[in-house]
PDB file of N, CA and C in Angstrom:
ATOM      1  N   MET A   1     134.694 134.631 135.251  1.00  0.00           N
ATOM      2  CA  MET A   1     133.498 134.215 135.945  1.00  0.00           C
ATOM      3  C   MET A   1     132.278 134.371 135.047  1.00  0.00           C
ATOM      4  N   ASN A   2     132.226 135.467 134.320  1.00  0.00           N
ATOM      5  CA  ASN A   2     131.101 135.723 133.432  1.00  0.00           C
ATOM      6  C   ASN A   2     131.039 134.670 132.329  1.00  0.00           C
ATOM      7  N   SER A   3     132.191 134.287 131.809  1.00  0.00           N
ATOM      8  CA  SER A   3     132.263 133.275 130.755  1.00  0.00           C
ATOM      9  C   SER A   3     131.800 131.912 131.279  1.00  0.00           C
ATOM     10  N   LEU A   4     132.164 131.599 132.508  1.00  0.00           N
ATOM     11  CA  LEU A   4     131.775 130.330 133.110  1.00  0.00           C
ATOM     12  C   LEU A   4     130.263 130.256 133.308  1.00  0.00           C
ATOM     13  N   SER A   5     129.656 131.321 133.792  1.00  0.00           N
ATOM     14  CA  SER A   5     128.203 131.307 133.994  1.00  0.00           C
ATOM     15  C   SER A   5     127.464 131.251 132.655  1.00  0.00           C
ATOM     16  N   ARG A   6     128.015 131.876 131.624  1.00  0.00           N
ATOM     17  CA  ARG A   6     127.404 131.827 130.292  1.00  0.00           C
ATOM     18  C   ARG A   6     127.454 130.398 129.749  1.00  0.00           C
ATOM     19  N   LYS A   7     128.611 129.716 129.912  1.00  0.00           N
ATOM     20  CA  LYS A   7     128.732 128.331 129.453  1.00  0.00           C
ATOM     21  C   LYS A   7     127.780 127.410 130.215  1.00  0.00           C
ATOM     22  N   LEU A   8     127.667 127.637 131.509  1.00  0.00           N
ATOM     23  CA  LEU A   8     126.763 126.834 132.323  1.00  0.00           C
ATOM     24  C   LEU A   8     125.316 127.057 131.888  1.00  0.00           C
ATOM     25  N   GLY A   9     124.963 128.306 131.641  1.00  0.00           N
ATOM     26  CA  GLY A   9     123.605 128.626 131.191  1.00  0.00           C
ATOM     27  C   GLY A   9     123.290 128.001 129.846  1.00  0.00           C
ATOM     28  N   LEU A  10     124.236 128.093 128.907  1.00  0.00           N
ATOM     29  CA  LEU A  10     124.024 127.487 127.589  1.00  0.00           C
ATOM     30  C   LEU A  10     123.976 125.963 127.684  1.00  0.00           C
ATOM     31  N   GLY A  11     124.786 125.408 128.556  1.00  0.00           N
ATOM     32  CA  GLY A  11     124.775 123.954 128.746  1.00  0.00           C
ATOM     33  C   GLY A  11     123.443 123.476 129.299  1.00  0.00           C
ATOM     34  N   LEU A  12     122.914 124.196 130.290  1.00  0.00           N
ATOM     35  CA  LEU A  12     121.613 123.834 130.851  1.00  0.00           C
ATOM     36  C   LEU A  12     120.496 124.000 129.824  1.00  0.00           C
ATOM     37  N   LEU A  13     120.574 125.052 129.024  1.00  0.00           N
ATOM     38  CA  LEU A  13     119.586 125.272 127.972  1.00  0.00           C
ATOM     39  C   LEU A  13     119.636 124.143 126.943  1.00  0.00           C
ATOM     40  N   GLY A  14     120.832 123.734 126.567  1.00  0.00           N
ATOM     41  CA  GLY A  14     120.983 122.628 125.623  1.00  0.00           C
ATOM     42  C   GLY A  14     120.459 121.321 126.196  1.00  0.00           C
ATOM     43  N   LEU A  15     120.746 121.065 127.456  1.00  0.00           N
ATOM     44  CA  LEU A  15     120.256 119.859 128.117  1.00  0.00           C
ATOM     45  C   LEU A  15     118.740 119.866 128.196  1.00  0.00           C
ATOM     46  N   TRP A  16     118.160 121.000 128.539  1.00  0.00           N
ATOM     47  CA  TRP A  16     116.700 121.127 128.603  1.00  0.00           C
ATOM     48  C   TRP A  16     116.074 120.883 127.229  1.00  0.00           C
ATOM     49  N   SER A  17     116.693 121.409 126.179  1.00  0.00           N
ATOM     50  CA  SER A  17     116.179 121.204 124.818  1.00  0.00           C
ATOM     51  C   SER A  17     116.192 119.729 124.443  1.00  0.00           C
ATOM     52  N   LEU A  18     117.295 119.053 124.724  1.00  0.00           N
ATOM     53  CA  LEU A  18     117.387 117.625 124.408  1.00  0.00           C
ATOM     54  C   LEU A  18     116.364 116.808 125.182  1.00  0.00           C
ATOM     55  N   LEU A  19     116.191 117.117 126.447  1.00  0.00           N
ATOM     56  CA  LEU A  19     115.225 116.382 127.252  1.00  0.00           C
ATOM     57  C   LEU A  19     113.800 116.629 126.784  1.00  0.00           C
ATOM     58  N   SER A  20     113.475 117.862 126.424  1.00  0.00           N
ATOM     59  CA  SER A  20     112.107 118.148 125.982  1.00  0.00           C
ATOM     60  C   SER A  20     111.807 117.460 124.661  1.00  0.00           C
ATOM     61  N   ILE A  21     112.780 117.343 123.785  1.00  0.00           N
ATOM     62  CA  ILE A  21     112.581 116.630 122.519  1.00  0.00           C
ATOM     63  C   ILE A  21     112.409 115.137 122.788  1.00  0.00           C
ATOM     64  N   ALA A  22     113.165 114.605 123.707  1.00  0.00           N
ATOM     65  CA  ALA A  22     113.102 113.172 123.986  1.00  0.00           C
ATOM     66  C   ALA A  22     111.849 112.791 124.762  1.00  0.00           C
ATOM     67  N   ILE A  23     111.349 113.661 125.624  1.00  0.00           N
ATOM     68  CA  ILE A  23     110.209 113.335 126.479  1.00  0.00           C
ATOM     69  C   ILE A  23     108.877 113.616 125.793  1.00  0.00           C
ATOM     70  N   ASN A  24     108.760 114.678 125.027  1.00  0.00           N
ATOM     71  CA  ASN A  24     107.474 115.059 124.450  1.00  0.00           C
ATOM     72  C   ASN A  24     106.801 113.980 123.618  1.00  0.00           C
ATOM     73  N   PRO A  25     107.485 113.244 122.757  1.00  0.00           N
ATOM     74  CA  PRO A  25     106.782 112.226 121.985  1.00  0.00           C
ATOM     75  C   PRO A  25     106.119 111.152 122.845  1.00  0.00           C
ATOM     76  N   VAL A  26     106.648 110.887 124.019  1.00  0.00           N
ATOM     77  CA  VAL A  26     106.058 109.891 124.899  1.00  0.00           C
ATOM     78  C   VAL A  26     104.690 110.342 125.378  1.00  0.00           C
ATOM     79  N   PHE A  27     104.541 111.637 125.651  1.00  0.00           N
ATOM     80  CA  PHE A  27     103.295 112.150 126.185  1.00  0.00           C
ATOM     81  C   PHE A  27     102.386 112.735 125.116  1.00  0.00           C
ATOM     82  N   ALA A  28     102.801 112.724 123.872  1.00  0.00           N
ATOM     83  CA  ALA A  28     102.004 113.333 122.807  1.00  0.00           C
ATOM     84  C   ALA A  28     101.014 112.334 122.229  1.00  0.00           C
ATOM     85  N   GLY A  29     100.217 111.707 123.085  1.00  0.00           N
ATOM     86  CA  GLY A  29      99.268 110.704 122.641  1.00  0.00           C
ATOM     87  C   GLY A  29      97.952 111.263 122.163  1.00  0.00           C
ATOM     88  N   GLU A  30      97.681 112.532 122.394  1.00  0.00           N
ATOM     89  CA  GLU A  30      96.410 113.111 121.996  1.00  0.00           C
ATOM     90  C   GLU A  30      96.623 114.207 120.971  1.00  0.00           C
ATOM     91  N   CYS A  31      95.651 114.371 120.103  1.00  0.00           N
ATOM     92  CA  CYS A  31      95.678 115.414 119.079  1.00  0.00           C
ATOM     93  C   CYS A  31      94.502 116.349 119.341  1.00  0.00           C
ATOM     94  N   ASN A  32      94.761 117.452 120.000  1.00  0.00           N
ATOM     95  CA  ASN A  32      93.703 118.395 120.346  1.00  0.00           C
ATOM     96  C   ASN A  32      94.089 119.781 119.902  1.00  0.00           C
ATOM     97  N   PRO A  33      93.273 120.517 119.181  1.00  0.00           N
ATOM     98  CA  PRO A  33      92.116 120.032 118.423  1.00  0.00           C
ATOM     99  C   PRO A  33      92.579 119.409 117.112  1.00  0.00           C
ATOM    100  N   LEU A  34      91.778 118.534 116.582  1.00  0.00           N
ATOM    101  CA  LEU A  34      92.115 117.839 115.338  1.00  0.00           C
ATOM    102  C   LEU A  34      91.850 118.740 114.145  1.00  0.00           C
ATOM    103  N   GLU A  35      92.793 118.789 113.213  1.00  0.00           N
ATOM    104  CA  GLU A  35      92.648 119.553 111.975  1.00  0.00           C
ATOM    105  C   GLU A  35      92.962 118.623 110.813  1.00  0.00           C
ATOM    106  N   THR A  36      92.463 118.968 109.627  1.00  0.00           N
ATOM    107  CA  THR A  36      92.672 118.130 108.447  1.00  0.00           C
ATOM    108  C   THR A  36      94.151 117.871 108.191  1.00  0.00           C
ATOM    109  N   ALA A  37      94.986 118.870 108.381  1.00  0.00           N
ATOM    110  CA  ALA A  37      96.419 118.720 108.110  1.00  0.00           C
ATOM    111  C   ALA A  37      97.066 117.681 109.023  1.00  0.00           C
ATOM    112  N   ALA A  38      96.449 117.406 110.169  1.00  0.00           N
ATOM    113  CA  ALA A  38      97.049 116.494 111.139  1.00  0.00           C
ATOM    114  C   ALA A  38      96.427 115.102 111.129  1.00  0.00           C
ATOM    115  N   LEU A  39      95.540 114.813 110.201  1.00  0.00           N
ATOM    116  CA  LEU A  39      94.854 113.519 110.212  1.00  0.00           C
ATOM    117  C   LEU A  39      95.827 112.350 110.163  1.00  0.00           C
ATOM    118  N   GLU A  40      96.771 112.384 109.246  1.00  0.00           N
ATOM    119  CA  GLU A  40      97.728 111.276 109.103  1.00  0.00           C
ATOM    120  C   GLU A  40      98.534 111.065 110.384  1.00  0.00           C
ATOM    121  N   SER A  41      99.001 112.151 110.979  1.00  0.00           N
ATOM    122  CA  SER A  41      99.842 112.019 112.173  1.00  0.00           C
ATOM    123  C   SER A  41      99.036 111.657 113.419  1.00  0.00           C
ATOM    124  N   CYS A  42      97.722 111.835 113.377  1.00  0.00           N
ATOM    125  CA  CYS A  42      96.880 111.523 114.534  1.00  0.00           C
ATOM    126  C   CYS A  42      96.202 110.162 114.417  1.00  0.00           C
ATOM    127  N   GLN A  43      96.496 109.429 113.364  1.00  0.00           N
ATOM    128  CA  GLN A  43      95.863 108.122 113.169  1.00  0.00           C
ATOM    129  C   GLN A  43      96.165 107.206 114.344  1.00  0.00           C
ATOM    130  N   ASP A  44      95.147 106.506 114.823  1.00  0.00           N
ATOM    131  CA  ASP A  44      95.223 105.569 115.947  1.00  0.00           C
ATOM    132  C   ASP A  44      95.563 106.253 117.265  1.00  0.00           C
ATOM    133  N   LYS A  45      95.264 107.542 117.361  1.00  0.00           N
ATOM    134  CA  LYS A  45      95.483 108.279 118.606  1.00  0.00           C
ATOM    135  C   LYS A  45      94.158 108.842 119.100  1.00  0.00           C
ATOM    136  N   LYS A  46      94.156 109.243 120.363  1.00  0.00           N
ATOM    137  CA  LYS A  46      92.980 109.904 120.919  1.00  0.00           C
ATOM    138  C   LYS A  46      92.923 111.317 120.373  1.00  0.00           C
ATOM    139  N   VAL A  47      91.722 111.727 119.938  1.00  0.00           N
ATOM    140  CA  VAL A  47      91.556 113.043 119.340  1.00  0.00           C
ATOM    141  C   VAL A  47      90.371 113.755 119.975  1.00  0.00           C
ATOM    142  N   LYS A  48      90.388 115.051 119.821  1.00  0.00           N
ATOM    143  CA  LYS A  48      89.257 115.896 120.184  1.00  0.00           C
ATOM    144  C   LYS A  48      88.997 116.763 118.965  1.00  0.00           C
ATOM    145  N   ALA A  49      87.775 116.717 118.454  1.00  0.00           N
ATOM    146  CA  ALA A  49      87.463 117.445 117.224  1.00  0.00           C
ATOM    147  C   ALA A  49      86.105 118.106 117.347  1.00  0.00           C
ATOM    148  N   SER A  50      85.951 119.223 116.658  1.00  0.00           N
ATOM    149  CA  SER A  50      84.648 119.885 116.618  1.00  0.00           C
ATOM    150  C   SER A  50      84.414 120.404 115.210  1.00  0.00           C
ATOM    151  N   GLY A  51      83.150 120.473 114.849  1.00  0.00           N
ATOM    152  CA  GLY A  51      82.790 120.951 113.525  1.00  0.00           C
ATOM    153  C   GLY A  51      81.319 120.736 113.259  1.00  0.00           C
ATOM    154  N   PRO A  52      80.889 121.097 112.061  1.00  0.00           N
ATOM    155  CA  PRO A  52      79.473 120.927 111.723  1.00  0.00           C
ATOM    156  C   PRO A  52      79.143 119.462 111.440  1.00  0.00           C
ATOM    157  N   ARG A  53      77.922 119.082 111.797  1.00  0.00           N
ATOM    158  CA  ARG A  53      77.443 117.746 111.431  1.00  0.00           C
ATOM    159  C   ARG A  53      77.121 117.726 109.952  1.00  0.00           C
ATOM    160  N   LEU A  54      77.238 116.575 109.354  1.00  0.00           N
ATOM    161  CA  LEU A  54      76.867 116.385 107.954  1.00  0.00           C
ATOM    162  C   LEU A  54      75.718 115.392 107.885  1.00  0.00           C
ATOM    163  N   GLY A  55      74.844 115.593 106.914  1.00  0.00           N
ATOM    164  CA  GLY A  55      73.771 114.645 106.679  1.00  0.00           C
ATOM    165  C   GLY A  55      74.267 113.478 105.854  1.00  0.00           C
ATOM    166  N   MET A  56      73.486 112.412 105.818  1.00  0.00           N
ATOM    167  CA  MET A  56      73.924 111.225 105.084  1.00  0.00           C
ATOM    168  C   MET A  56      73.987 111.449 103.586  1.00  0.00           C
ATOM    169  N   PHE A  57      73.332 112.505 103.090  1.00  0.00           N
ATOM    170  CA  PHE A  57      73.391 112.804 101.663  1.00  0.00           C
ATOM    171  C   PHE A  57      74.536 113.758 101.322  1.00  0.00           C
ATOM    172  N   ASP A  58      75.269 114.202 102.354  1.00  0.00           N
ATOM    173  CA  ASP A  58      76.394 115.117 102.159  1.00  0.00           C
ATOM    174  C   ASP A  58      77.743 114.403 102.160  1.00  0.00           C
ATOM    175  N   VAL A  59      77.735 113.089 102.287  1.00  0.00           N
ATOM    176  CA  VAL A  59      78.976 112.313 102.338  1.00  0.00           C
ATOM    177  C   VAL A  59      78.995 111.318 101.175  1.00  0.00           C
ATOM    178  N   PRO A  60      80.165 110.795 100.820  1.00  0.00           N
ATOM    179  CA  PRO A  60      80.229 109.806  99.732  1.00  0.00           C
ATOM    180  C   PRO A  60      79.356 108.578 100.026  1.00  0.00           C
ATOM    181  N   ASP A  61      78.797 107.999  98.977  1.00  0.00           N
ATOM    182  CA  ASP A  61      77.933 106.820  99.124  1.00  0.00           C
ATOM    183  C   ASP A  61      78.655 105.655  99.787  1.00  0.00           C
ATOM    184  N   SER A  62      79.953 105.559  99.583  1.00  0.00           N
ATOM    185  CA  SER A  62      80.709 104.435 100.155  1.00  0.00           C
ATOM    186  C   SER A  62      80.720 104.463 101.681  1.00  0.00           C
ATOM    187  N   PHE A  63      80.418 105.610 102.292  1.00  0.00           N
ATOM    188  CA  PHE A  63      80.425 105.716 103.751  1.00  0.00           C
ATOM    189  C   PHE A  63      79.393 104.794 104.392  1.00  0.00           C
ATOM    190  N   MET A  64      78.331 104.442 103.663  1.00  0.00           N
ATOM    191  CA  MET A  64      77.306 103.578 104.254  1.00  0.00           C
ATOM    192  C   MET A  64      77.876 102.197 104.580  1.00  0.00           C
ATOM    193  N   PHE A  65      78.930 101.781 103.887  1.00  0.00           N
ATOM    194  CA  PHE A  65      79.531 100.477 104.151  1.00  0.00           C
ATOM    195  C   PHE A  65      80.317 100.452 105.463  1.00  0.00           C
ATOM    196  N   ALA A  66      80.568 101.602 106.050  1.00  0.00           N
ATOM    197  CA  ALA A  66      81.279 101.673 107.325  1.00  0.00           C
ATOM    198  C   ALA A  66      80.330 101.566 108.513  1.00  0.00           C
ATOM    199  N   ASP A  67      79.021 101.640 108.260  1.00  0.00           N
ATOM    200  CA  ASP A  67      78.022 101.606 109.334  1.00  0.00           C
ATOM    201  C   ASP A  67      78.133 100.290 110.105  1.00  0.00           C
ATOM    202  N   PRO A  68      78.308 100.365 111.427  1.00  0.00           N
ATOM    203  CA  PRO A  68      78.437  99.134 112.219  1.00  0.00           C
ATOM    204  C   PRO A  68      77.232  98.204 112.064  1.00  0.00           C
ATOM    205  N   SER A  69      76.035  98.752 111.955  1.00  0.00           N
ATOM    206  CA  SER A  69      74.854  97.897 111.821  1.00  0.00           C
ATOM    207  C   SER A  69      74.813  97.220 110.450  1.00  0.00           C
ATOM    208  N   PHE A  70      75.419  97.837 109.448  1.00  0.00           N
ATOM    209  CA  PHE A  70      75.476  97.256 108.104  1.00  0.00           C
ATOM    210  C   PHE A  70      76.362  96.018 108.089  1.00  0.00           C
ATOM    211  N   SER A  71      77.413  96.058 108.897  1.00  0.00           N
ATOM    212  CA  SER A  71      78.364  94.939 108.918  1.00  0.00           C
ATOM    213  C   SER A  71      78.096  93.955 110.057  1.00  0.00           C
ATOM    214  N   GLY A  72      76.943  94.077 110.713  1.00  0.00           N
ATOM    215  CA  GLY A  72      76.584  93.138 111.772  1.00  0.00           C
ATOM    216  C   GLY A  72      77.114  93.502 113.141  1.00  0.00           C
ATOM    217  N   GLY A  73      77.691  94.681 113.283  1.00  0.00           N
ATOM    218  CA  GLY A  73      78.214  95.113 114.577  1.00  0.00           C
ATOM    219  C   GLY A  73      77.184  95.892 115.372  1.00  0.00           C
ATOM    220  N   GLU A  74      77.634  96.504 116.441  1.00  0.00           N
ATOM    221  CA  GLU A  74      76.762  97.317 117.280  1.00  0.00           C
ATOM    222  C   GLU A  74      77.203  98.760 117.210  1.00  0.00           C
ATOM    223  N   GLY A  75      76.252  99.667 117.382  1.00  0.00           N
ATOM    224  CA  GLY A  75      76.555 101.084 117.405  1.00  0.00           C
ATOM    225  C   GLY A  75      75.836 101.822 116.302  1.00  0.00           C
ATOM    226  N   LEU A  76      76.009 103.127 116.320  1.00  0.00           N
ATOM    227  CA  LEU A  76      75.368 104.011 115.357  1.00  0.00           C
ATOM    228  C   LEU A  76      76.430 104.767 114.583  1.00  0.00           C
ATOM    229  N   GLN A  77      76.031 105.299 113.456  1.00  0.00           N
ATOM    230  CA  GLN A  77      76.959 106.060 112.623  1.00  0.00           C
ATOM    231  C   GLN A  77      76.390 107.439 112.359  1.00  0.00           C
ATOM    232  N   ASP A  78      77.245 108.436 112.441  1.00  0.00           N
ATOM    233  CA  ASP A  78      76.889 109.811 112.125  1.00  0.00           C
ATOM    234  C   ASP A  78      78.065 110.403 111.370  1.00  0.00           C
ATOM    235  N   TYR A  79      77.955 111.672 111.002  1.00  0.00           N
ATOM    236  CA  TYR A  79      79.002 112.302 110.199  1.00  0.00           C
ATOM    237  C   TYR A  79      79.248 113.723 110.671  1.00  0.00           C
ATOM    238  N   MET A  80      80.483 114.165 110.520  1.00  0.00           N
ATOM    239  CA  MET A  80      80.843 115.553 110.782  1.00  0.00           C
ATOM    240  C   MET A  80      81.876 115.970 109.753  1.00  0.00           C
ATOM    241  N   GLU A  81      82.200 117.255 109.767  1.00  0.00           N
ATOM    242  CA  GLU A  81      83.190 117.784 108.831  1.00  0.00           C
ATOM    243  C   GLU A  81      84.264 118.513 109.611  1.00  0.00           C
ATOM    244  N   ILE A  82      85.510 118.222 109.284  1.00  0.00           N
ATOM    245  CA  ILE A  82      86.644 118.952 109.846  1.00  0.00           C
ATOM    246  C   ILE A  82      87.306 119.647 108.674  1.00  0.00           C
ATOM    247  N   ASP A  83      87.308 120.971 108.707  1.00  0.00           N
ATOM    248  CA  ASP A  83      87.697 121.783 107.563  1.00  0.00           C
ATOM    249  C   ASP A  83      86.810 121.357 106.389  1.00  0.00           C
ATOM    250  N   ASP A  84      87.332 120.758 105.349  1.00  0.00           N
ATOM    251  CA  ASP A  84      86.499 120.291 104.234  1.00  0.00           C
ATOM    252  C   ASP A  84      86.486 118.770 104.129  1.00  0.00           C
ATOM    253  N   THR A  85      86.918 118.085 105.165  1.00  0.00           N
ATOM    254  CA  THR A  85      87.021 116.627 105.128  1.00  0.00           C
ATOM    255  C   THR A  85      85.863 115.986 105.883  1.00  0.00           C
ATOM    256  N   PRO A  86      85.070 115.143 105.218  1.00  0.00           N
ATOM    257  CA  PRO A  86      84.002 114.438 105.934  1.00  0.00           C
ATOM    258  C   PRO A  86      84.594 113.337 106.816  1.00  0.00           C
ATOM    259  N   ILE A  87      84.055 113.217 108.022  1.00  0.00           N
ATOM    260  CA  ILE A  87      84.528 112.249 109.004  1.00  0.00           C
ATOM    261  C   ILE A  87      83.344 111.383 109.428  1.00  0.00           C
ATOM    262  N   ILE A  88      83.563 110.083 109.513  1.00  0.00           N
ATOM    263  CA  ILE A  88      82.544 109.161 110.001  1.00  0.00           C
ATOM    264  C   ILE A  88      82.669 109.082 111.518  1.00  0.00           C
ATOM    265  N   LEU A  89      81.539 109.137 112.212  1.00  0.00           N
ATOM    266  CA  LEU A  89      81.515 109.007 113.665  1.00  0.00           C
ATOM    267  C   LEU A  89      80.826 107.702 114.032  1.00  0.00           C
ATOM    268  N   HIS A  90      81.483 106.858 114.798  1.00  0.00           N
ATOM    269  CA  HIS A  90      80.859 105.649 115.329  1.00  0.00           C
ATOM    270  C   HIS A  90      80.584 105.900 116.805  1.00  0.00           C
ATOM    271  N   THR A  91      79.307 105.870 117.165  1.00  0.00           N
ATOM    272  CA  THR A  91      78.891 106.187 118.530  1.00  0.00           C
ATOM    273  C   THR A  91      78.072 105.040 119.109  1.00  0.00           C
ATOM    274  N   SER A  92      77.933 105.050 120.417  1.00  0.00           N
ATOM    275  CA  SER A  92      77.052 104.079 121.065  1.00  0.00           C
ATOM    276  C   SER A  92      75.682 104.694 121.326  1.00  0.00           C
ATOM    277  N   ASP A  93      75.596 106.028 121.308  1.00  0.00           N
ATOM    278  CA  ASP A  93      74.334 106.736 121.526  1.00  0.00           C
ATOM    279  C   ASP A  93      73.974 107.547 120.294  1.00  0.00           C
ATOM    280  N   GLU A  94      72.686 107.815 120.137  1.00  0.00           N
ATOM    281  CA  GLU A  94      72.226 108.627 119.014  1.00  0.00           C
ATOM    282  C   GLU A  94      72.636 110.081 119.219  1.00  0.00           C
ATOM    283  N   VAL A  95      73.165 110.696 118.184  1.00  0.00           N
ATOM    284  CA  VAL A  95      73.589 112.094 118.239  1.00  0.00           C
ATOM    285  C   VAL A  95      72.365 112.974 118.008  1.00  0.00           C
ATOM    286  N   GLN A  96      72.065 113.838 118.966  1.00  0.00           N
ATOM    287  CA  GLN A  96      70.903 114.718 118.875  1.00  0.00           C
ATOM    288  C   GLN A  96      71.293 116.158 118.561  1.00  0.00           C
ATOM    289  N   CYS A  97      72.540 116.404 118.241  1.00  0.00           N
ATOM    290  CA  CYS A  97      73.013 117.763 117.970  1.00  0.00           C
ATOM    291  C   CYS A  97      72.434 118.262 116.648  1.00  0.00           C
ATOM    292  N   VAL A  98      72.067 119.536 116.630  1.00  0.00           N
ATOM    293  CA  VAL A  98      71.453 120.107 115.432  1.00  0.00           C
ATOM    294  C   VAL A  98      72.509 120.519 114.414  1.00  0.00           C
ATOM    295  N   ASP A  99      73.471 121.333 114.822  1.00  0.00           N
ATOM    296  CA  ASP A  99      74.445 121.876 113.869  1.00  0.00           C
ATOM    297  C   ASP A  99      75.876 121.464 114.173  1.00  0.00           C
ATOM    298  N   GLU A 100      76.407 121.949 115.269  1.00  0.00           N
ATOM    299  CA  GLU A 100      77.821 121.747 115.611  1.00  0.00           C
ATOM    300  C   GLU A 100      77.955 120.651 116.659  1.00  0.00           C
ATOM    301  N   ILE A 101      79.046 119.898 116.548  1.00  0.00           N
ATOM    302  CA  ILE A 101      79.308 118.815 117.491  1.00  0.00           C
ATOM    303  C   ILE A 101      80.784 118.817 117.866  1.00  0.00           C
ATOM    304  N   GLU A 102      81.050 118.416 119.098  1.00  0.00           N
ATOM    305  CA  GLU A 102      82.421 118.214 119.563  1.00  0.00           C
ATOM    306  C   GLU A 102      82.520 116.761 120.003  1.00  0.00           C
ATOM    307  N   VAL A 103      83.540 116.067 119.531  1.00  0.00           N
ATOM    308  CA  VAL A 103      83.688 114.649 119.867  1.00  0.00           C
ATOM    309  C   VAL A 103      85.079 114.363 120.417  1.00  0.00           C
ATOM    310  N   LYS A 104      85.148 113.328 121.243  1.00  0.00           N
ATOM    311  CA  LYS A 104      86.417 112.780 121.717  1.00  0.00           C
ATOM    312  C   LYS A 104      86.388 111.293 121.405  1.00  0.00           C
ATOM    313  N   GLY A 105      87.503 110.784 120.941  1.00  0.00           N
ATOM    314  CA  GLY A 105      87.574 109.367 120.616  1.00  0.00           C
ATOM    315  C   GLY A 105      88.883 109.029 119.938  1.00  0.00           C
ATOM    316  N   THR A 106      88.915 107.881 119.287  1.00  0.00           N
ATOM    317  CA  THR A 106      90.113 107.397 118.607  1.00  0.00           C
ATOM    318  C   THR A 106      89.931 107.514 117.104  1.00  0.00           C
ATOM    319  N   LEU A 107      90.914 108.123 116.445  1.00  0.00           N
ATOM    320  CA  LEU A 107      90.869 108.316 114.998  1.00  0.00           C
ATOM    321  C   LEU A 107      91.456 107.100 114.291  1.00  0.00           C
ATOM    322  N   GLU A 108      90.693 106.567 113.338  1.00  0.00           N
ATOM    323  CA  GLU A 108      91.159 105.428 112.550  1.00  0.00           C
ATOM    324  C   GLU A 108      90.923 105.718 111.078  1.00  0.00           C
ATOM    325  N   GLN A 109      91.615 104.987 110.241  1.00  0.00           N
ATOM    326  CA  GLN A 109      91.383 105.097 108.806  1.00  0.00           C
ATOM    327  C   GLN A 109      90.834 103.764 108.318  1.00  0.00           C
ATOM    328  N   MET A 110      89.820 103.852 107.453  1.00  0.00           N
ATOM    329  CA  MET A 110      89.145 102.658 106.966  1.00  0.00           C
ATOM    330  C   MET A 110      89.141 102.661 105.443  1.00  0.00           C
ATOM    331  N   GLU A 111      89.328 101.500 104.867  1.00  0.00           N
ATOM    332  CA  GLU A 111      89.287 101.351 103.412  1.00  0.00           C
ATOM    333  C   GLU A 111      87.851 101.016 103.021  1.00  0.00           C
ATOM    334  N   LEU A 112      87.224 101.880 102.231  1.00  0.00           N
ATOM    335  CA  LEU A 112      85.857 101.668 101.755  1.00  0.00           C
ATOM    336  C   LEU A 112      85.863 101.665 100.242  1.00  0.00           C
ATOM    337  N   GLU A 113      85.551 100.522  99.669  1.00  0.00           N
ATOM    338  CA  GLU A 113      85.645 100.329  98.225  1.00  0.00           C
ATOM    339  C   GLU A 113      87.047 100.744  97.795  1.00  0.00           C
ATOM    340  N   GLU A 114      87.183 101.775  96.996  1.00  0.00           N
ATOM    341  CA  GLU A 114      88.523 102.214  96.580  1.00  0.00           C
ATOM    342  C   GLU A 114      88.907 103.536  97.229  1.00  0.00           C
ATOM    343  N   GLU A 115      88.156 103.935  98.243  1.00  0.00           N
ATOM    344  CA  GLU A 115      88.418 105.193  98.942  1.00  0.00           C
ATOM    345  C   GLU A 115      88.858 104.904 100.368  1.00  0.00           C
ATOM    346  N   LYS A 116      89.561 105.856 100.930  1.00  0.00           N
ATOM    347  CA  LYS A 116      89.897 105.783 102.344  1.00  0.00           C
ATOM    348  C   LYS A 116      89.014 106.783 103.072  1.00  0.00           C
ATOM    349  N   ALA A 117      88.562 106.386 104.243  1.00  0.00           N
ATOM    350  CA  ALA A 117      87.697 107.253 105.038  1.00  0.00           C
ATOM    351  C   ALA A 117      88.257 107.356 106.449  1.00  0.00           C
ATOM    352  N   TRP A 118      88.063 108.518 107.049  1.00  0.00           N
ATOM    353  CA  TRP A 118      88.478 108.732 108.427  1.00  0.00           C
ATOM    354  C   TRP A 118      87.295 108.450 109.334  1.00  0.00           C
ATOM    355  N   VAL A 119      87.549 107.693 110.404  1.00  0.00           N
ATOM    356  CA  VAL A 119      86.511 107.301 111.353  1.00  0.00           C
ATOM    357  C   VAL A 119      86.986 107.663 112.750  1.00  0.00           C
ATOM    358  N   ILE A 120      86.099 108.289 113.517  1.00  0.00           N
ATOM    359  CA  ILE A 120      86.380 108.525 114.934  1.00  0.00           C
ATOM    360  C   ILE A 120      85.466 107.605 115.730  1.00  0.00           C
ATOM    361  N   LYS A 121      86.070 106.709 116.512  1.00  0.00           N
ATOM    362  CA  LYS A 121      85.321 105.855 117.439  1.00  0.00           C
ATOM    363  C   LYS A 121      85.055 106.714 118.672  1.00  0.00           C
ATOM    364  N   VAL A 122      83.850 107.262 118.749  1.00  0.00           N
ATOM    365  CA  VAL A 122      83.511 108.296 119.729  1.00  0.00           C
ATOM    366  C   VAL A 122      83.305 107.692 121.114  1.00  0.00           C
ATOM    367  N   THR A 123      83.973 108.283 122.098  1.00  0.00           N
ATOM    368  CA  THR A 123      83.764 107.911 123.493  1.00  0.00           C
ATOM    369  C   THR A 123      82.926 108.952 124.215  1.00  0.00           C
ATOM    370  N   GLN A 124      82.916 110.187 123.683  1.00  0.00           N
ATOM    371  CA  GLN A 124      82.148 111.269 124.301  1.00  0.00           C
ATOM    372  C   GLN A 124      81.843 112.309 123.241  1.00  0.00           C
ATOM    373  N   PHE A 125      80.615 112.871 123.290  1.00  0.00           N
ATOM    374  CA  PHE A 125      80.298 113.971 122.381  1.00  0.00           C
ATOM    375  C   PHE A 125      79.446 115.007 123.092  1.00  0.00           C
ATOM    376  N   ASN A 126      79.556 116.247 122.621  1.00  0.00           N
ATOM    377  CA  ASN A 126      78.788 117.374 123.152  1.00  0.00           C
ATOM    378  C   ASN A 126      78.242 118.182 121.996  1.00  0.00           C
ATOM    379  N   CYS A 127      77.048 118.717 122.171  1.00  0.00           N
ATOM    380  CA  CYS A 127      76.481 119.632 121.180  1.00  0.00           C
ATOM    381  C   CYS A 127      77.004 121.033 121.463  1.00  0.00           C
ATOM    382  N   LEU A 128      77.383 121.742 120.421  1.00  0.00           N
ATOM    383  CA  LEU A 128      77.894 123.114 120.586  1.00  0.00           C
ATOM    384  C   LEU A 128      76.839 124.118 120.172  1.00  0.00           C
TER     385      LEU A 128
END
């Protein structure tokens, strides 16, 4: 009897493990919180990130080519840093945060000149 209950328990544990592996990728659409190590795996997904704002003189010059107004689009551009990686923020509203910012949006990668840049299309932001 003891052997039977042990086999049943191990079988249920194995089944639960297989189901959790199969189901989790379906629901893993968000990357919270976003870290530099996870940028590649979070591309084209919804992200939540926080970090210090960067000034326009603290980012590569090529970042100006990503500005929506520069390319005839709508919106504003700002910058933040995640770990040591500068991130471009595309927003519909002006960011009034002094130091730290938290954003939610979609992470994309953009080719600028010969560099790649990370862009978050911001849907919501908060000052920290």
